[in-house]
C-alpha cells in the first residue's frame, strides 16, 4: 500500500510510484471519482484538436440528438 500525508493546507504529494503508473508530468490534470468510501484517481484525458467541445453536455447526447444535430 502506498500512502501520503495531507498538509495543513489540504495538499498532498502524489507518491512517485503513482506518478510513474499514471505517467504524470508537471501540468497534467487529474480526475477524482468518488465511489462510496473510495476515490479513484486517474489522469485526465488530453483534449486534442477536433475533439467534440460539447462532450460535457451528456444530457444532449442521445441517439435522437446525434441524428438531429449530427451534420451541423
C-alpha atoms as a PDB file:
ATOM      1  CA  UNK A   1       0.000   0.000   0.000  1.00  0.00           C
ATOM      2  CA  UNK A   2       1.229   3.474  -0.918  1.00  0.00           C
ATOM      3  CA  UNK A   3       0.380   6.399   1.366  1.00  0.00           C
ATOM      4  CA  UNK A   4       0.930  10.147   1.604  1.00  0.00           C
ATOM      5  CA  UNK A   5       0.079  12.775   4.225  1.00  0.00           C
ATOM      6  CA  UNK A   6      -2.295  15.709   3.978  1.00  0.00           C
ATOM      7  CA  UNK A   7      -0.757  19.102   4.795  1.00  0.00           C
ATOM      8  CA  UNK A   8      -2.424  21.824   6.858  1.00  0.00           C
ATOM      9  CA  UNK A   9      -3.473  23.395   3.539  1.00  0.00           C
ATOM     10  CA  UNK A  10      -5.192  20.142   2.438  1.00  0.00           C
ATOM     11  CA  UNK A  11      -2.404  19.403  -0.046  1.00  0.00           C
ATOM     12  CA  UNK A  12      -0.542  16.171  -0.651  1.00  0.00           C
ATOM     13  CA  UNK A  13       2.308  14.950  -2.811  1.00  0.00           C
ATOM     14  CA  UNK A  14       1.439  12.191  -5.227  1.00  0.00           C
ATOM     15  CA  UNK A  15       3.945   9.431  -4.499  1.00  0.00           C
ATOM     16  CA  UNK A  16       6.437   8.592  -7.258  1.00  0.00           C
ATOM     17  CA  UNK A  17       5.075   5.066  -7.947  1.00  0.00           C
ATOM     18  CA  UNK A  18       1.630   6.597  -8.611  1.00  0.00           C
ATOM     19  CA  UNK A  19       3.093   9.314 -10.844  1.00  0.00           C
ATOM     20  CA  UNK A  20       5.001   6.661 -12.789  1.00  0.00           C
ATOM     21  CA  UNK A  21       1.973   4.360 -13.119  1.00  0.00           C
ATOM     22  CA  UNK A  22      -0.202   7.194 -14.470  1.00  0.00           C
ATOM     23  CA  UNK A  23       2.685   8.697 -16.474  1.00  0.00           C
ATOM     24  CA  UNK A  24       2.046  12.054 -14.827  1.00  0.00           C
ATOM     25  CA  UNK A  25       4.040  15.127 -15.754  1.00  0.00           C
ATOM     26  CA  UNK A  26       4.019  18.688 -14.479  1.00  0.00           C
ATOM     27  CA  UNK A  27       0.824  20.450 -15.542  1.00  0.00           C
ATOM     28  CA  UNK A  28      -1.220  17.275 -16.059  1.00  0.00           C
ATOM     29  CA  UNK A  29      -4.785  17.380 -14.805  1.00  0.00           C
ATOM     30  CA  UNK A  30      -6.243  14.702 -12.553  1.00  0.00           C
ATOM     31  CA  UNK A  31      -9.756  13.322 -12.295  1.00  0.00           C
ATOM     32  CA  UNK A  32     -11.190  12.245  -8.922  1.00  0.00           C
ATOM     33  CA  UNK A  33     -14.186   9.908  -8.866  1.00  0.00           C
ATOM     34  CA  UNK A  34     -15.907   9.176  -5.555  1.00  0.00           C
ATOM     35  CA  UNK A  35     -17.427   5.721  -5.151  1.00  0.00           C
ATOM     36  CA  UNK A  36     -18.714   5.233  -1.624  1.00  0.00           C
ATOM     37  CA  UNK A  37     -15.700   5.440   0.686  1.00  0.00           C
ATOM     38  CA  UNK A  38     -13.191   5.190  -2.186  1.00  0.00           C
ATOM     39  CA  UNK A  39     -11.695   7.756  -4.520  1.00  0.00           C
ATOM     40  CA  UNK A  40     -10.411   6.744  -7.930  1.00  0.00           C
ATOM     41  CA  UNK A  41      -7.587   8.925  -9.235  1.00  0.00           C
ATOM     42  CA  UNK A  42      -6.937   8.991 -12.983  1.00  0.00           C
ATOM     43  CA  UNK A  43      -5.049  11.183 -15.392  1.00  0.00           C
ATOM     44  CA  UNK A  44      -7.401  13.494 -17.284  1.00  0.00           C
ATOM     45  CA  UNK A  45      -7.653  12.837 -20.990  1.00  0.00           C
ATOM     46  CA  UNK A  46      -5.839  15.426 -23.077  1.00  0.00           C
ATOM     47  CA  UNK A  47      -8.127  17.474 -25.318  1.00  0.00           C
ATOM     48  CA  UNK A  48      -6.986  17.160 -28.911  1.00  0.00           C
ATOM     49  CA  UNK A  49      -7.876  19.367 -31.821  1.00  0.00           C
ATOM     50  CA  UNK A  50     -11.056  18.021 -33.329  1.00  0.00           C
ATOM     51  CA  UNK A  51     -12.449  16.716 -30.037  1.00  0.00           C
ATOM     52  CA  UNK A  52     -16.123  17.419 -29.515  1.00  0.00           C
ATOM     53  CA  UNK A  53     -16.332  20.594 -27.385  1.00  0.00           C
ATOM     54  CA  UNK A  54     -19.852  19.597 -26.305  1.00  0.00           C
ATOM     55  CA  UNK A  55     -18.915  16.188 -24.841  1.00  0.00           C
ATOM     56  CA  UNK A  56     -19.572  17.586 -21.361  1.00  0.00           C
ATOM     57  CA  UNK A  57     -23.248  18.040 -22.236  1.00  0.00           C
ATOM     58  CA  UNK A  58     -24.197  14.394 -21.826  1.00  0.00           C
ATOM     59  CA  UNK A  59     -27.890  15.223 -21.412  1.00  0.00           C
ATOM     60  CA  UNK A  60     -27.882  16.145 -25.112  1.00  0.00           C
ATOM     61  CA  UNK A  61     -26.086  13.008 -26.217  1.00  0.00           C
ATOM     62  CA  UNK A  62     -28.919  10.660 -27.096  1.00  0.00           C
ATOM     63  CA  UNK A  63     -29.217   8.798 -30.394  1.00  0.00           C
ATOM     64  CA  UNK A  64     -32.036  11.177 -31.385  1.00  0.00           C
ATOM     65  CA  UNK A  65     -29.842  14.215 -30.671  1.00  0.00           C
ATOM     66  CA  UNK A  66     -26.949  12.806 -32.700  1.00  0.00           C
ATOM     67  CA  UNK A  67     -29.314  12.083 -35.607  1.00  0.00           C
ATOM     68  CA  UNK A  68     -30.952  15.524 -35.479  1.00  0.00           C
ATOM     69  CA  UNK A  69     -27.801  17.595 -34.961  1.00  0.00           C
ATOM     70  CA  UNK A  70     -25.021  15.353 -36.281  1.00  0.00           C
ATOM     71  CA  UNK A  71     -24.474  17.231 -39.543  1.00  0.00           C
ATOM     72  CA  UNK A  72     -24.479  20.780 -38.183  1.00  0.00           C
END
